[in-house]
Amino acid sequence: MARAVEEHWTGKLSGLVVTRYGYAVPYRHIEIIEAAHPLPDAAGLQAAKRILQFVGGLSADDLVLCLISGGGSALLPLPATGISLEDKQAVSSALLTSGATISEINCVRRHLSAIKGGRLAAACSPARVLNLIISDVPGDDPCDIASGPTVADRSTCANALDILRRYAIAVPQRVQDVLQSGGGETLKPGDSRLPEIETHLIATPQMALEAAAALAQQRGLPAHILGDAIEGEARDVGTVMAGIALQVARRGQPFRPPCVLLSGGETTVTVRGDGRGGRNVEFLLSLGIALQGAPGIYAIAGDTDGVDGMEEIAGACLAPDTLARASARGIRASESLARNDGHGFFAALGDAIVTGPTLTNVNDFRAILITGKMAVARP
């Protein structure tokens, strides 16, 4: 995003951008800092401090161009007063493995932050703020994307406390105190501290699905988008999608094969095992177990930023012979799923997808290809 701005901006320009390690690109006027994701680190903390300093002392004649995409919650980890980086790391780690949705996770994050929940926008005042945002969250709500550093937020500290209770997440007393006292309250719509803000979504999960559907149709393959905001446990979504795929293959309902079923969104994984996993490979494992090698059904799932979970692996592919090939190697899909070991399962078969940094992020992408109609036995 920063490089695109440099290539097209004709006036005076200076800037500071933070991105994940390995994602920096050559620049002329915009400084790019790398930090950790999905768990924050000290480099991200220092970057957040520098960004706040960078927008200090602006005038009403200045324009702050905010380039925001998924990952910003971890990359700008400036804790609220009284909270340490270690506190935020502990809370983030617990949330990421709890099964909480991304909206819930980011609600907690922005109420423990000194830069999110509209606080960065307030620091820009009285300059104008123009947000150009790539969405990676179901529903495309700007306050959920990177935890909303430059937009107003309607959620409250009470909401954040409810989320922590719902998922039985124990937090340091300092974190509890900030939320219970209201000290972590975000800036609400109409707050006089907020400057003039204009927000545009320049890329979304729906746009990505529409592009994939157009490509499939160009190749003569009907494509059907099932949803761009599908949430829930990844293994549950896999089971449901298998049922839909089998209905298409066996009954020609609600679509006639051959066709491809597309979906996006952000599922969750409640980590109970000791394996190497992510949302997309967990989905594929569950899908494969439910399909049980049904002929003519293939699938691919991956995170569009190239990182599924905490591994530098985007996702994986599934074929009718996947379970059989795994069994021949002594690998049981059900055991891998129980251990949350999707990456280990697909890597052993050579079916993992490694893209490297894609330099963008519009959430998870899933495609199920159904090549033909299956015969159905009748009594």
Protein backbone atom coordinates (compact mmCIF):
# COMPACT_ATOMS: atom_id res chain seq x y z
CA MET A 1 0.00 0.00 0.00
CA ALA A 2 2.83 2.39 0.87
CA ARG A 3 4.61 1.64 -2.40
CA ALA A 4 1.42 2.27 -4.38
CA VAL A 5 1.02 5.66 -2.69
CA GLU A 6 4.61 6.61 -3.54
CA GLU A 7 4.09 5.59 -7.16
CA HIS A 8 0.97 7.74 -7.59
CA TRP A 9 1.42 10.70 -5.23
CA THR A 10 2.51 13.90 -6.94
CA GLY A 11 2.77 16.34 -4.02
CA LYS A 12 4.85 16.60 -0.87
CA LEU A 13 4.91 13.32 1.05
CA SER A 14 6.44 11.80 4.16
CA GLY A 15 5.33 8.78 6.12
CA LEU A 16 5.90 5.90 8.50
CA VAL A 17 4.48 2.40 8.05
CA VAL A 18 4.75 -0.74 10.18
CA THR A 19 4.30 -4.19 8.66
CA ARG A 20 5.17 -7.77 9.60
CA TYR A 21 8.68 -9.16 9.28
CA GLY A 22 9.53 -10.00 5.67
CA TYR A 23 6.88 -7.69 4.17
CA ALA A 24 8.88 -4.49 3.68
CA VAL A 25 9.37 -3.18 0.13
CA PRO A 26 11.75 -0.55 -1.34
CA TYR A 27 10.59 3.02 -0.63
CA ARG A 28 11.71 6.61 -1.27
CA HIS A 29 9.78 8.88 1.09
CA ILE A 30 7.96 6.48 3.41
CA GLU A 31 9.86 4.69 6.16
CA ILE A 32 8.84 1.09 6.68
CA ILE A 33 9.37 -0.71 9.99
CA GLU A 34 8.94 -4.45 10.51
CA ALA A 35 7.45 -6.04 13.63
CA ALA A 36 5.86 -9.29 14.83
CA HIS A 37 2.46 -10.74 13.98
CA PRO A 38 0.17 -12.29 15.27
CA LEU A 39 1.75 -11.82 18.70
CA PRO A 40 3.14 -8.31 19.27
CA ASP A 41 6.75 -7.53 20.12
CA ALA A 42 8.94 -4.64 21.26
CA ALA A 43 9.59 -3.51 17.66
CA GLY A 44 5.85 -3.00 17.17
CA LEU A 45 5.65 -1.12 20.46
CA GLN A 46 8.40 1.29 19.39
CA ALA A 47 6.79 1.70 15.96
CA ALA A 48 3.45 2.62 17.56
CA LYS A 49 5.16 5.23 19.74
CA ARG A 50 6.92 6.71 16.72
CA ILE A 51 3.68 6.87 14.72
CA LEU A 52 1.99 8.83 17.51
CA GLN A 53 4.96 11.21 17.60
CA PHE A 54 4.91 11.48 13.80
CA VAL A 55 1.36 12.89 13.74
CA GLY A 56 1.92 15.31 16.60
CA GLY A 57 1.80 19.08 15.97
CA LEU A 58 -0.16 18.96 12.70
CA SER A 59 -2.36 21.79 11.45
CA ALA A 60 -5.76 21.96 9.80
CA ASP A 61 -3.95 22.29 6.46
CA ASP A 62 -2.35 18.86 6.81
CA LEU A 63 -3.75 15.58 5.46
CA VAL A 64 -2.98 12.27 7.19
CA LEU A 65 -3.33 9.35 4.80
CA CYS A 66 -3.91 6.20 6.87
CA LEU A 67 -3.21 2.91 5.07
CA ILE A 68 -4.77 0.22 7.22
CA SER A 69 -5.14 -3.51 6.74
CA GLY A 70 -5.46 -6.65 8.82
CA GLY A 71 -2.63 -7.34 11.22
CA GLY A 72 -2.52 -3.82 12.60
CA SER A 73 -3.85 -4.97 15.96
CA ALA A 74 -0.63 -6.90 16.60
CA LEU A 75 1.65 -4.48 14.77
CA LEU A 76 0.62 -1.42 16.83
CA PRO A 77 0.75 -2.82 20.36
CA LEU A 78 0.92 0.37 22.42
CA PRO A 79 -0.58 -0.58 25.80
CA ALA A 80 -2.91 1.67 27.76
CA THR A 81 -1.44 3.41 30.82
CA GLY A 82 -0.76 0.89 33.57
CA ILE A 83 -0.50 -2.11 31.21
CA SER A 84 2.75 -3.64 29.98
CA LEU A 85 3.61 -5.17 26.62
CA GLU A 86 3.87 -8.52 28.41
CA ASP A 87 0.29 -8.07 29.65
CA LYS A 88 -0.92 -7.48 26.10
CA GLN A 89 1.05 -10.44 24.78
CA ALA A 90 -0.51 -12.73 27.41
CA VAL A 91 -4.05 -11.52 26.73
CA SER A 92 -3.58 -11.73 22.93
CA SER A 93 -2.17 -15.26 23.12
CA ALA A 94 -5.07 -16.45 25.26
CA LEU A 95 -7.66 -14.85 22.99
CA LEU A 96 -6.14 -16.27 19.81
CA THR A 97 -6.47 -19.85 21.09
CA SER A 98 -9.81 -19.45 22.90
CA GLY A 99 -12.22 -19.73 19.98
CA ALA A 100 -13.21 -16.06 20.21
CA THR A 101 -14.17 -14.32 16.95
CA ILE A 102 -11.91 -11.67 15.46
CA SER A 103 -14.49 -9.01 16.36
CA GLU A 104 -14.40 -10.13 19.99
CA ILE A 105 -10.61 -10.33 20.06
CA ASN A 106 -10.24 -6.83 18.64
CA CYS A 107 -12.83 -5.41 21.02
CA VAL A 108 -10.60 -6.44 23.91
CA ARG A 109 -7.45 -5.27 22.14
CA ARG A 110 -8.64 -1.73 21.48
CA HIS A 111 -9.81 -1.24 25.07
CA LEU A 112 -6.30 -2.11 26.27
CA SER A 113 -4.61 0.22 23.80
CA ALA A 114 -3.25 3.77 23.79
CA ILE A 115 -3.44 4.06 19.99
CA LYS A 116 -6.46 2.04 18.79
CA GLY A 117 -10.19 2.72 19.15
CA GLY A 118 -9.88 6.14 17.46
CA ARG A 119 -6.95 7.32 19.55
CA LEU A 120 -4.56 7.66 16.59
CA ALA A 121 -7.16 9.80 14.78
CA ALA A 122 -7.47 12.03 17.84
CA ALA A 123 -3.69 12.45 17.88
CA CYS A 124 -3.89 13.71 14.27
CA SER A 125 -6.30 16.53 15.12
CA PRO A 126 -6.84 19.15 13.73
CA ALA A 127 -5.49 17.61 10.49
CA ARG A 128 -7.87 15.81 8.17
CA VAL A 129 -7.73 11.99 8.21
CA LEU A 130 -8.29 9.91 5.09
CA ASN A 131 -8.54 6.16 5.72
CA LEU A 132 -7.83 3.75 2.86
CA ILE A 133 -8.59 0.33 4.31
CA ILE A 134 -8.18 -3.27 3.19
CA SER A 135 -10.67 -5.35 5.14
CA ASP A 136 -9.81 -8.76 6.55
CA VAL A 137 -12.77 -9.07 8.93
CA PRO A 138 -16.29 -10.47 8.47
CA GLY A 139 -18.68 -7.59 7.93
CA ASP A 140 -15.94 -5.09 6.99
CA ASP A 141 -16.53 -2.90 10.07
CA PRO A 142 -13.65 -0.37 10.13
CA CYS A 143 -13.47 -0.45 13.94
CA ASP A 144 -12.62 -4.16 13.77
CA ILE A 145 -9.92 -3.78 11.10
CA ALA A 146 -6.59 -3.38 12.95
CA SER A 147 -8.81 -2.61 15.98
CA GLY A 148 -9.81 0.75 14.51
CA PRO A 149 -6.97 3.17 15.30
CA THR A 150 -8.48 5.97 13.20
CA VAL A 151 -12.24 5.51 13.54
CA ALA A 152 -14.76 5.97 16.34
CA ASP A 153 -15.90 2.90 18.26
CA ARG A 154 -19.30 2.09 19.81
CA SER A 155 -18.14 -0.84 21.95
CA THR A 156 -17.26 -0.37 25.62
CA CYS A 157 -14.97 -1.61 28.36
CA ALA A 158 -17.97 -3.54 29.68
CA ASN A 159 -18.17 -5.39 26.36
CA ALA A 160 -14.49 -6.28 26.62
CA LEU A 161 -14.97 -7.62 30.16
CA ASP A 162 -17.93 -9.72 29.02
CA ILE A 163 -15.77 -11.30 26.29
CA LEU A 164 -13.02 -12.19 28.74
CA ARG A 165 -15.59 -13.78 31.08
CA ARG A 166 -17.30 -15.65 28.23
CA TYR A 167 -14.09 -17.40 27.24
CA ALA A 168 -12.87 -17.82 30.82
CA ILE A 169 -9.67 -15.87 30.13
CA ALA A 170 -7.74 -14.97 33.25
CA VAL A 171 -5.96 -11.63 32.91
CA PRO A 172 -3.47 -9.74 35.09
CA GLN A 173 -5.07 -7.54 37.75
CA ARG A 174 -3.70 -4.46 35.95
CA VAL A 175 -5.74 -5.36 32.88
CA GLN A 176 -8.83 -5.97 34.98
CA ASP A 177 -8.41 -2.60 36.67
CA VAL A 178 -8.15 -0.69 33.37
CA LEU A 179 -11.36 -2.26 32.04
CA GLN A 180 -13.36 -2.05 35.26
CA SER A 181 -12.44 1.59 35.85
CA GLY A 182 -13.31 2.60 32.29
CA GLY A 183 -9.75 3.81 31.82
CA GLY A 184 -9.53 1.93 28.53
CA GLU A 185 -12.65 3.51 27.02
CA THR A 186 -12.41 4.24 23.31
CA LEU A 187 -13.50 7.36 21.44
CA LYS A 188 -17.17 7.29 20.51
CA PRO A 189 -18.92 8.75 17.44
CA GLY A 190 -19.29 12.52 17.83
CA ASP A 191 -16.33 12.87 20.20
CA SER A 192 -15.01 16.43 19.91
CA ARG A 193 -11.43 15.17 20.03
CA LEU A 194 -11.83 13.44 16.67
CA PRO A 195 -10.87 15.40 13.53
CA GLU A 196 -12.58 15.27 10.16
CA ILE A 197 -12.36 11.60 9.07
CA GLU A 198 -13.12 10.10 5.65
CA THR A 199 -13.00 6.31 5.25
CA HIS A 200 -12.91 4.16 2.11
CA LEU A 201 -12.72 0.36 1.86
CA ILE A 202 -10.46 -0.25 -1.12
CA ALA A 203 -10.37 -4.06 -0.95
CA THR A 204 -12.60 -6.57 0.85
CA PRO A 205 -13.15 -10.34 1.09
CA GLN A 206 -16.22 -9.99 -1.15
CA MET A 207 -14.12 -8.34 -3.87
CA ALA A 208 -11.66 -11.24 -3.72
CA LEU A 209 -14.46 -13.81 -4.01
CA GLU A 210 -16.00 -11.96 -6.95
CA ALA A 211 -12.61 -11.90 -8.70
CA ALA A 212 -12.21 -15.65 -8.13
CA ALA A 213 -15.73 -16.28 -9.41
CA ALA A 214 -15.04 -14.24 -12.54
CA LEU A 215 -11.84 -16.20 -13.21
CA ALA A 216 -13.66 -19.53 -12.80
CA GLN A 217 -16.41 -18.43 -15.14
CA GLN A 218 -13.85 -17.34 -17.73
CA ARG A 219 -12.62 -20.94 -17.65
CA GLY A 220 -16.17 -22.20 -18.23
CA LEU A 221 -16.79 -23.25 -14.64
CA PRO A 222 -19.91 -21.93 -12.84
CA ALA A 223 -18.97 -20.33 -9.50
CA HIS A 224 -21.22 -19.73 -6.51
CA ILE A 225 -20.33 -17.46 -3.58
CA LEU A 226 -21.72 -18.89 -0.35
CA GLY A 227 -20.70 -15.96 1.84
CA ASP A 228 -17.85 -13.56 2.61
CA ALA A 229 -18.38 -13.46 6.39
CA ILE A 230 -18.59 -17.10 7.48
CA GLU A 231 -17.53 -17.57 11.10
CA GLY A 232 -17.61 -20.32 13.71
CA GLU A 233 -15.29 -23.16 14.67
CA ALA A 234 -13.25 -24.15 11.62
CA ARG A 235 -14.02 -27.85 12.10
CA ASP A 236 -17.77 -27.14 12.28
CA VAL A 237 -17.65 -25.04 9.12
CA GLY A 238 -15.78 -27.90 7.41
CA THR A 239 -18.50 -30.38 8.32
CA VAL A 240 -21.26 -28.06 7.07
CA MET A 241 -19.45 -27.32 3.81
CA ALA A 242 -18.98 -31.06 3.24
CA GLY A 243 -22.74 -31.54 3.53
CA ILE A 244 -23.36 -28.82 0.96
CA ALA A 245 -20.75 -30.23 -1.42
CA LEU A 246 -22.22 -33.74 -1.15
CA GLN A 247 -25.73 -32.42 -1.85
CA VAL A 248 -24.42 -30.73 -4.98
CA ALA A 249 -22.55 -33.86 -6.09
CA ARG A 250 -25.36 -36.32 -5.32
CA ARG A 251 -28.53 -34.36 -5.96
CA GLY A 252 -27.53 -31.40 -8.11
CA GLN A 253 -28.89 -29.11 -5.39
CA PRO A 254 -28.76 -26.18 -4.89
CA PHE A 255 -26.34 -26.07 -7.85
CA ARG A 256 -25.64 -28.48 -10.67
CA PRO A 257 -22.09 -29.78 -11.05
CA PRO A 258 -19.53 -29.14 -12.33
CA CYS A 259 -19.14 -25.99 -10.26
CA VAL A 260 -17.01 -24.34 -7.62
CA LEU A 261 -18.26 -23.17 -4.23
CA LEU A 262 -16.46 -20.08 -2.90
CA SER A 263 -16.50 -18.65 0.60
CA GLY A 264 -14.60 -16.29 2.85
CA GLY A 265 -14.69 -15.01 6.41
CA GLU A 266 -12.67 -15.85 9.47
CA THR A 267 -13.31 -19.05 11.37
CA THR A 268 -11.90 -19.78 14.80
CA VAL A 269 -9.92 -22.61 16.37
CA THR A 270 -10.16 -23.56 20.01
CA VAL A 271 -6.72 -25.04 20.60
CA ARG A 272 -6.81 -28.21 22.69
CA GLY A 273 -3.96 -30.21 21.15
CA ASP A 274 -0.21 -29.83 20.72
CA GLY A 275 -0.07 -29.81 16.92
CA ARG A 276 0.83 -27.18 14.32
CA GLY A 277 -2.34 -25.72 12.94
CA GLY A 278 -4.34 -22.81 11.58
CA ARG A 279 -7.93 -22.00 10.66
CA ASN A 280 -7.70 -23.10 7.05
CA VAL A 281 -5.98 -26.43 7.52
CA GLU A 282 -8.33 -27.23 10.41
CA PHE A 283 -11.24 -26.54 8.06
CA LEU A 284 -9.75 -28.78 5.36
CA LEU A 285 -9.09 -31.63 7.79
CA SER A 286 -12.69 -31.55 8.99
CA LEU A 287 -13.97 -31.25 5.42
CA GLY A 288 -11.92 -34.26 4.33
CA ILE A 289 -13.09 -36.40 7.24
CA ALA A 290 -16.74 -35.58 6.47
CA LEU A 291 -16.33 -36.24 2.73
CA GLN A 292 -14.58 -39.58 3.32
CA GLY A 293 -12.93 -39.59 -0.10
CA ALA A 294 -16.09 -38.75 -2.07
CA PRO A 295 -15.08 -38.85 -5.76
CA GLY A 296 -14.87 -35.67 -7.78
CA ILE A 297 -14.66 -33.23 -4.86
CA TYR A 298 -11.52 -31.13 -4.36
CA ALA A 299 -10.81 -28.16 -2.12
CA ILE A 300 -8.29 -25.45 -1.36
CA ALA A 301 -8.22 -23.11 1.64
CA GLY A 302 -5.71 -20.48 2.69
CA ASP A 303 -5.16 -17.16 4.34
CA THR A 304 -4.67 -14.44 1.74
CA ASP A 305 -1.68 -12.97 3.58
CA GLY A 306 0.19 -16.27 3.20
CA VAL A 307 0.16 -17.11 6.91
CA ASP A 308 -2.35 -19.59 8.34
CA GLY A 309 -2.17 -19.48 12.14
CA MET A 310 1.40 -18.79 13.20
CA GLU A 311 3.13 -20.73 10.39
CA GLU A 312 4.63 -19.31 7.20
CA ILE A 313 2.22 -21.58 5.33
CA ALA A 314 -0.83 -20.17 3.53
CA GLY A 315 -3.01 -23.29 3.65
CA ALA A 316 -3.40 -26.58 1.82
CA CYS A 317 -5.21 -28.61 -0.85
CA LEU A 318 -7.61 -31.53 -0.37
CA ALA A 319 -8.37 -34.28 -2.91
CA PRO A 320 -10.51 -37.45 -2.91
CA ASP A 321 -7.41 -39.55 -2.19
CA THR A 322 -6.05 -37.37 0.64
CA LEU A 323 -7.27 -39.56 3.50
CA ALA A 324 -6.14 -42.75 1.76
CA ARG A 325 -2.64 -41.38 1.13
CA ALA A 326 -2.43 -40.29 4.76
CA SER A 327 -3.56 -43.71 5.98
CA ALA A 328 -0.90 -45.38 3.85
CA ARG A 329 1.66 -43.33 5.78
CA GLY A 330 0.15 -44.29 9.11
CA ILE A 331 -1.45 -40.89 9.62
CA ARG A 332 -5.06 -40.77 10.84
CA ALA A 333 -6.92 -37.58 9.92
CA SER A 334 -9.14 -37.77 13.00
CA GLU A 335 -6.11 -37.91 15.29
CA SER A 336 -4.50 -34.98 13.50
CA LEU A 337 -7.70 -32.95 13.91
CA ALA A 338 -7.92 -33.80 17.62
CA ARG A 339 -4.35 -32.51 18.03
CA ASN A 340 -5.00 -29.35 15.95
CA ASP A 341 -2.22 -30.60 13.67
CA GLY A 342 -3.46 -29.53 10.24
CA HIS A 343 -0.09 -28.21 9.11
CA GLY A 344 1.66 -31.41 10.15
CA PHE A 345 -0.96 -33.51 8.33
CA PHE A 346 -0.82 -31.72 4.97
CA ALA A 347 2.94 -31.11 5.07
CA ALA A 348 3.51 -34.87 5.41
CA LEU A 349 1.52 -35.40 2.20
CA GLY A 350 3.21 -32.59 0.28
CA ASP A 351 -0.13 -30.78 0.01
CA ALA A 352 0.70 -27.63 1.99
CA ILE A 353 0.59 -24.33 0.10
CA VAL A 354 3.50 -21.95 0.73
CA THR A 355 3.19 -18.60 -1.07
CA GLY A 356 5.60 -16.44 0.90
CA PRO A 357 4.54 -12.86 1.68
CA THR A 358 1.59 -11.85 -0.52
CA LEU A 359 1.78 -8.22 0.71
CA THR A 360 -1.99 -8.04 1.16
CA ASN A 361 -4.69 -9.52 3.38
CA VAL A 362 -8.40 -9.93 2.63
CA ASN A 363 -9.12 -12.75 5.04
CA ASP A 364 -9.46 -16.49 4.40
CA PHE A 365 -10.28 -17.95 0.99
CA ARG A 366 -11.97 -21.30 0.45
CA ALA A 367 -12.91 -23.04 -2.79
CA ILE A 368 -14.56 -26.44 -3.23
CA LEU A 369 -14.54 -27.89 -6.75
CA ILE A 370 -17.20 -30.46 -7.63
CA THR A 371 -16.41 -32.03 -10.98
CA GLY A 372 -19.43 -34.24 -11.61
CA LYS A 373 -22.55 -35.82 -10.21
CA MET A 374 -22.15 -38.89 -8.00
CA ALA A 375 -24.40 -41.90 -8.44
CA VAL A 376 -26.84 -42.38 -5.56
CA ALA A 377 -27.92 -45.90 -4.69
CA ARG A 378 -31.68 -46.36 -4.37
CA PRO A 379 -33.47 -49.25 -2.67
